[in-house]
Amino acid sequence: MDKKQLRNTLLLVCGAFIWGTAFVAQSVGSDYMGPYTFLAGRSWLACAFLLGLMAVLRKMGRTNTAAEPGFWQNKKVLVKGGIFCGAALFAASAAQQMGIGTTSTAKAG
């Protein structure tokens, strides 16, 4: 197994671990707050983390210079796609949080 395959496998295992342990945190969180409050807090935390990560990567000079030059030119399509993807992600996350709040963690998983 080469280094790249090992790294990718470990990233997948890490992602599955985080996804699985999040169910327990969501179940406990649903005892103390509503689904939309929990979802908003989780989203703001993720936003703060990503902004910090972007700042660190930009300072290290590890930005993507190979991106297509015309990618940002069609802003109308990007905004429309972002709205639709954001709405779908919100609906799925809210439904998941409401489901976890009304059933056991094992059944929700």
N, C-alpha and C. Protein backbone atom coordinates (compact mmCIF):
# COMPACT_ATOMS: atom_id res chain seq x y z
N MET A 1 0.85 -1.17 0.00
CA MET A 1 0.00 0.00 0.00
C MET A 1 0.91 1.24 0.00
N ASP A 2 0.69 2.12 -0.96
CA ASP A 2 1.53 3.32 -1.02
C ASP A 2 1.01 4.39 -0.05
N LYS A 3 1.79 5.44 0.10
CA LYS A 3 1.47 6.49 1.08
C LYS A 3 0.16 7.20 0.77
N LYS A 4 -0.09 7.44 -0.51
CA LYS A 4 -1.31 8.16 -0.89
C LYS A 4 -2.56 7.34 -0.57
N GLN A 5 -2.52 6.06 -0.85
CA GLN A 5 -3.66 5.20 -0.56
C GLN A 5 -3.87 5.07 0.94
N LEU A 6 -2.79 4.95 1.71
CA LEU A 6 -2.89 4.88 3.17
C LEU A 6 -3.50 6.16 3.74
N ARG A 7 -3.02 7.31 3.24
CA ARG A 7 -3.55 8.60 3.70
C ARG A 7 -5.04 8.71 3.39
N ASN A 8 -5.44 8.33 2.17
CA ASN A 8 -6.84 8.42 1.80
C ASN A 8 -7.71 7.47 2.62
N THR A 9 -7.21 6.29 2.90
CA THR A 9 -7.95 5.33 3.74
C THR A 9 -8.12 5.88 5.15
N LEU A 10 -7.05 6.44 5.70
CA LEU A 10 -7.14 7.02 7.05
C LEU A 10 -8.10 8.21 7.09
N LEU A 11 -8.12 9.01 6.04
CA LEU A 11 -9.08 10.12 5.98
C LEU A 11 -10.52 9.62 5.95
N LEU A 12 -10.77 8.55 5.22
CA LEU A 12 -12.11 7.96 5.19
C LEU A 12 -12.52 7.41 6.56
N VAL A 13 -11.59 6.72 7.22
CA VAL A 13 -11.87 6.19 8.56
C VAL A 13 -12.13 7.33 9.54
N CYS A 14 -11.33 8.39 9.44
CA CYS A 14 -11.52 9.55 10.31
C CYS A 14 -12.88 10.21 10.06
N GLY A 15 -13.25 10.34 8.79
CA GLY A 15 -14.56 10.91 8.47
C GLY A 15 -15.72 10.07 9.00
N ALA A 16 -15.60 8.75 8.87
CA ALA A 16 -16.64 7.86 9.39
C ALA A 16 -16.72 7.93 10.92
N PHE A 17 -15.56 8.05 11.57
CA PHE A 17 -15.54 8.16 13.03
C PHE A 17 -16.22 9.44 13.49
N ILE A 18 -15.88 10.55 12.84
CA ILE A 18 -16.50 11.83 13.20
C ILE A 18 -18.00 11.79 12.94
N TRP A 19 -18.41 11.22 11.80
CA TRP A 19 -19.83 11.13 11.46
C TRP A 19 -20.57 10.29 12.50
N GLY A 20 -19.98 9.19 12.90
CA GLY A 20 -20.64 8.31 13.86
C GLY A 20 -20.73 8.90 15.25
N THR A 21 -19.67 9.55 15.71
CA THR A 21 -19.72 10.14 17.05
C THR A 21 -20.60 11.38 17.09
N ALA A 22 -20.85 11.99 15.94
CA ALA A 22 -21.73 13.16 15.91
C ALA A 22 -23.16 12.80 16.30
N PHE A 23 -23.57 11.56 16.04
CA PHE A 23 -24.93 11.16 16.43
C PHE A 23 -25.12 11.24 17.94
N VAL A 24 -24.11 10.85 18.69
CA VAL A 24 -24.21 10.91 20.15
C VAL A 24 -24.30 12.37 20.61
N ALA A 25 -23.47 13.23 20.04
CA ALA A 25 -23.50 14.65 20.40
C ALA A 25 -24.85 15.28 20.02
N GLN A 26 -25.39 14.90 18.88
CA GLN A 26 -26.69 15.43 18.47
C GLN A 26 -27.80 14.94 19.39
N SER A 27 -27.71 13.71 19.82
CA SER A 27 -28.73 13.17 20.72
C SER A 27 -28.71 13.87 22.07
N VAL A 28 -27.53 14.07 22.61
CA VAL A 28 -27.40 14.78 23.89
C VAL A 28 -27.82 16.24 23.73
N GLY A 29 -27.41 16.87 22.63
CA GLY A 29 -27.77 18.26 22.39
C GLY A 29 -29.26 18.47 22.23
N SER A 30 -29.96 17.47 21.68
CA SER A 30 -31.40 17.61 21.49
C SER A 30 -32.16 17.60 22.82
N ASP A 31 -31.52 17.14 23.89
CA ASP A 31 -32.16 17.18 25.21
C ASP A 31 -32.18 18.59 25.78
N TYR A 32 -31.28 19.44 25.32
CA TYR A 32 -31.12 20.77 25.91
C TYR A 32 -31.58 21.91 25.01
N MET A 33 -31.71 21.68 23.70
CA MET A 33 -32.12 22.76 22.80
C MET A 33 -32.88 22.18 21.62
N GLY A 34 -33.55 23.05 20.91
CA GLY A 34 -34.32 22.64 19.76
C GLY A 34 -33.43 22.30 18.57
N PRO A 35 -34.02 21.65 17.56
CA PRO A 35 -33.22 21.22 16.41
C PRO A 35 -32.62 22.38 15.62
N TYR A 36 -33.36 23.49 15.48
CA TYR A 36 -32.85 24.61 14.70
C TYR A 36 -31.76 25.36 15.45
N THR A 37 -31.87 25.46 16.75
CA THR A 37 -30.82 26.10 17.55
C THR A 37 -29.54 25.29 17.48
N PHE A 38 -29.66 23.97 17.59
CA PHE A 38 -28.49 23.10 17.50
C PHE A 38 -27.86 23.20 16.13
N LEU A 39 -28.69 23.20 15.10
CA LEU A 39 -28.20 23.29 13.72
C LEU A 39 -27.49 24.62 13.47
N ALA A 40 -28.05 25.71 14.01
CA ALA A 40 -27.41 27.02 13.84
C ALA A 40 -26.06 27.07 14.55
N GLY A 41 -26.00 26.56 15.77
CA GLY A 41 -24.74 26.54 16.51
C GLY A 41 -23.69 25.71 15.81
N ARG A 42 -24.08 24.56 15.31
CA ARG A 42 -23.15 23.69 14.60
C ARG A 42 -22.66 24.34 13.30
N SER A 43 -23.55 25.03 12.62
CA SER A 43 -23.17 25.68 11.36
C SER A 43 -22.23 26.85 11.61
N TRP A 44 -22.48 27.65 12.64
CA TRP A 44 -21.59 28.78 12.95
C TRP A 44 -20.23 28.28 13.40
N LEU A 45 -20.18 27.19 14.14
CA LEU A 45 -18.91 26.61 14.55
C LEU A 45 -18.12 26.13 13.34
N ALA A 46 -18.79 25.48 12.41
CA ALA A 46 -18.13 25.02 11.18
C ALA A 46 -17.64 26.20 10.35
N CYS A 47 -18.43 27.26 10.28
CA CYS A 47 -18.04 28.46 9.53
C CYS A 47 -16.79 29.09 10.13
N ALA A 48 -16.74 29.21 11.44
CA ALA A 48 -15.57 29.79 12.10
C ALA A 48 -14.34 28.93 11.86
N PHE A 49 -14.50 27.62 11.94
CA PHE A 49 -13.37 26.72 11.69
C PHE A 49 -12.85 26.86 10.26
N LEU A 50 -13.76 26.88 9.29
CA LEU A 50 -13.33 26.98 7.89
C LEU A 50 -12.69 28.33 7.58
N LEU A 51 -13.19 29.40 8.17
CA LEU A 51 -12.56 30.71 7.96
C LEU A 51 -11.14 30.72 8.53
N GLY A 52 -10.96 30.13 9.69
CA GLY A 52 -9.63 30.01 10.28
C GLY A 52 -8.71 29.14 9.44
N LEU A 53 -9.23 28.04 8.93
CA LEU A 53 -8.45 27.16 8.07
C LEU A 53 -8.05 27.87 6.78
N MET A 54 -8.97 28.64 6.20
CA MET A 54 -8.65 29.39 4.99
C MET A 54 -7.54 30.41 5.26
N ALA A 55 -7.59 31.07 6.40
CA ALA A 55 -6.57 32.06 6.73
C ALA A 55 -5.21 31.39 6.90
N VAL A 56 -5.17 30.23 7.56
CA VAL A 56 -3.91 29.53 7.76
C VAL A 56 -3.35 29.04 6.42
N LEU A 57 -4.19 28.46 5.58
CA LEU A 57 -3.73 27.97 4.28
C LEU A 57 -3.25 29.11 3.39
N ARG A 58 -3.94 30.23 3.45
CA ARG A 58 -3.53 31.38 2.64
C ARG A 58 -2.18 31.92 3.12
N LYS A 59 -1.98 31.92 4.44
CA LYS A 59 -0.71 32.40 4.99
C LYS A 59 0.43 31.46 4.63
N MET A 60 0.14 30.16 4.55
CA MET A 60 1.16 29.18 4.18
C MET A 60 1.41 29.17 2.67
N GLY A 61 0.55 29.84 1.91
CA GLY A 61 0.70 29.88 0.46
C GLY A 61 0.21 28.62 -0.22
N ARG A 62 -0.73 27.93 0.40
CA ARG A 62 -1.23 26.67 -0.16
C ARG A 62 -2.61 26.85 -0.77
N THR A 63 -2.81 27.91 -1.51
CA THR A 63 -4.08 28.11 -2.19
C THR A 63 -4.04 27.40 -3.54
N ASN A 64 -5.18 27.18 -4.14
CA ASN A 64 -5.27 26.45 -5.39
C ASN A 64 -5.03 27.39 -6.57
N THR A 65 -3.82 27.35 -7.10
CA THR A 65 -3.50 28.21 -8.23
C THR A 65 -3.90 27.57 -9.55
N ALA A 66 -4.27 26.28 -9.53
CA ALA A 66 -4.64 25.58 -10.76
C ALA A 66 -6.13 25.68 -11.05
N ALA A 67 -6.87 26.47 -10.29
CA ALA A 67 -8.30 26.60 -10.53
C ALA A 67 -8.54 27.24 -11.89
N GLU A 68 -9.64 26.86 -12.51
CA GLU A 68 -9.97 27.42 -13.82
C GLU A 68 -10.10 28.94 -13.73
N PRO A 69 -9.51 29.66 -14.67
CA PRO A 69 -9.60 31.12 -14.60
C PRO A 69 -11.03 31.63 -14.79
N GLY A 70 -11.86 30.93 -15.53
CA GLY A 70 -13.23 31.38 -15.77
C GLY A 70 -14.24 30.90 -14.75
N PHE A 71 -13.77 30.19 -13.73
CA PHE A 71 -14.69 29.61 -12.74
C PHE A 71 -15.50 30.66 -12.02
N TRP A 72 -14.87 31.75 -11.61
CA TRP A 72 -15.56 32.79 -10.84
C TRP A 72 -16.28 33.79 -11.73
N GLN A 73 -16.17 33.68 -13.04
CA GLN A 73 -16.76 34.65 -13.94
C GLN A 73 -18.29 34.54 -13.99
N ASN A 74 -18.81 33.34 -13.91
CA ASN A 74 -20.25 33.13 -14.01
C ASN A 74 -20.87 33.10 -12.61
N LYS A 75 -20.95 34.27 -11.99
CA LYS A 75 -21.39 34.35 -10.60
C LYS A 75 -22.86 34.01 -10.42
N LYS A 76 -23.67 34.26 -11.44
CA LYS A 76 -25.10 33.97 -11.33
C LYS A 76 -25.33 32.46 -11.14
N VAL A 77 -24.60 31.65 -11.88
CA VAL A 77 -24.73 30.19 -11.75
C VAL A 77 -24.19 29.74 -10.39
N LEU A 78 -23.08 30.32 -9.96
CA LEU A 78 -22.52 29.96 -8.66
C LEU A 78 -23.47 30.29 -7.51
N VAL A 79 -24.09 31.47 -7.58
CA VAL A 79 -25.03 31.86 -6.52
C VAL A 79 -26.25 30.96 -6.54
N LYS A 80 -26.79 30.69 -7.72
CA LYS A 80 -27.96 29.82 -7.82
C LYS A 80 -27.65 28.41 -7.31
N GLY A 81 -26.51 27.87 -7.71
CA GLY A 81 -26.09 26.55 -7.24
C GLY A 81 -25.86 26.53 -5.73
N GLY A 82 -25.26 27.61 -5.21
CA GLY A 82 -25.03 27.70 -3.76
C GLY A 82 -26.33 27.74 -2.98
N ILE A 83 -27.31 28.47 -3.50
CA ILE A 83 -28.61 28.55 -2.82
C ILE A 83 -29.30 27.19 -2.82
N PHE A 84 -29.32 26.51 -3.96
CA PHE A 84 -29.98 25.20 -4.03
C PHE A 84 -29.26 24.16 -3.17
N CYS A 85 -27.93 24.14 -3.23
CA CYS A 85 -27.18 23.19 -2.41
C CYS A 85 -27.33 23.51 -0.92
N GLY A 86 -27.32 24.79 -0.57
CA GLY A 86 -27.50 25.18 0.82
C GLY A 86 -28.87 24.82 1.35
N ALA A 87 -29.91 25.02 0.53
CA ALA A 87 -31.27 24.66 0.94
C ALA A 87 -31.40 23.15 1.14
N ALA A 88 -30.80 22.37 0.23
CA ALA A 88 -30.87 20.91 0.36
C ALA A 88 -30.11 20.44 1.61
N LEU A 89 -28.94 21.03 1.85
CA LEU A 89 -28.15 20.67 3.04
C LEU A 89 -28.89 21.05 4.32
N PHE A 90 -29.52 22.23 4.32
CA PHE A 90 -30.28 22.65 5.50
C PHE A 90 -31.45 21.69 5.76
N ALA A 91 -32.21 21.36 4.70
CA ALA A 91 -33.36 20.47 4.88
C ALA A 91 -32.93 19.10 5.40
N ALA A 92 -31.85 18.57 4.84
CA ALA A 92 -31.39 17.25 5.28
C ALA A 92 -30.87 17.29 6.71
N SER A 93 -30.12 18.33 7.06
CA SER A 93 -29.58 18.44 8.42
C SER A 93 -30.68 18.66 9.44
N ALA A 94 -31.66 19.49 9.09
CA ALA A 94 -32.77 19.74 10.01
C ALA A 94 -33.61 18.48 10.21
N ALA A 95 -33.86 17.76 9.14
CA ALA A 95 -34.63 16.51 9.26
C ALA A 95 -33.87 15.49 10.10
N GLN A 96 -32.56 15.41 9.90
CA GLN A 96 -31.75 14.49 10.70
C GLN A 96 -31.79 14.87 12.18
N GLN A 97 -31.64 16.15 12.48
CA GLN A 97 -31.64 16.59 13.87
C GLN A 97 -33.00 16.37 14.51
N MET A 98 -34.08 16.63 13.78
CA MET A 98 -35.43 16.38 14.33
C MET A 98 -35.63 14.88 14.57
N GLY A 99 -35.13 14.05 13.66
CA GLY A 99 -35.25 12.60 13.82
C GLY A 99 -34.46 12.08 15.01
N ILE A 100 -33.27 12.60 15.19
CA ILE A 100 -32.44 12.19 16.34
C ILE A 100 -33.08 12.61 17.64
N GLY A 101 -33.75 13.76 17.64
CA GLY A 101 -34.40 14.25 18.85
C GLY A 101 -35.61 13.44 19.26
N THR A 102 -36.22 12.73 18.29
CA THR A 102 -37.45 12.00 18.61
C THR A 102 -37.27 10.49 18.72
N THR A 103 -36.05 9.99 18.44
CA THR A 103 -35.83 8.55 18.53
C THR A 103 -34.47 8.29 19.18
N SER A 104 -34.13 7.04 19.37
CA SER A 104 -32.85 6.70 19.99
C SER A 104 -31.70 6.90 18.99
N THR A 105 -30.51 7.01 19.50
CA THR A 105 -29.34 7.22 18.65
C THR A 105 -29.09 6.00 17.77
N ALA A 106 -29.31 4.81 18.30
CA ALA A 106 -29.09 3.60 17.52
C ALA A 106 -30.05 3.52 16.33
N LYS A 107 -31.31 3.86 16.54
CA LYS A 107 -32.28 3.84 15.45
C LYS A 107 -31.99 4.94 14.44
N ALA A 108 -31.54 6.09 14.90
CA ALA A 108 -31.23 7.19 13.99
C ALA A 108 -30.01 6.85 13.12
N GLY A 109 -29.04 6.15 13.67
CA GLY A 109 -27.85 5.77 12.91
C GLY A 109 -28.19 4.82 11.82
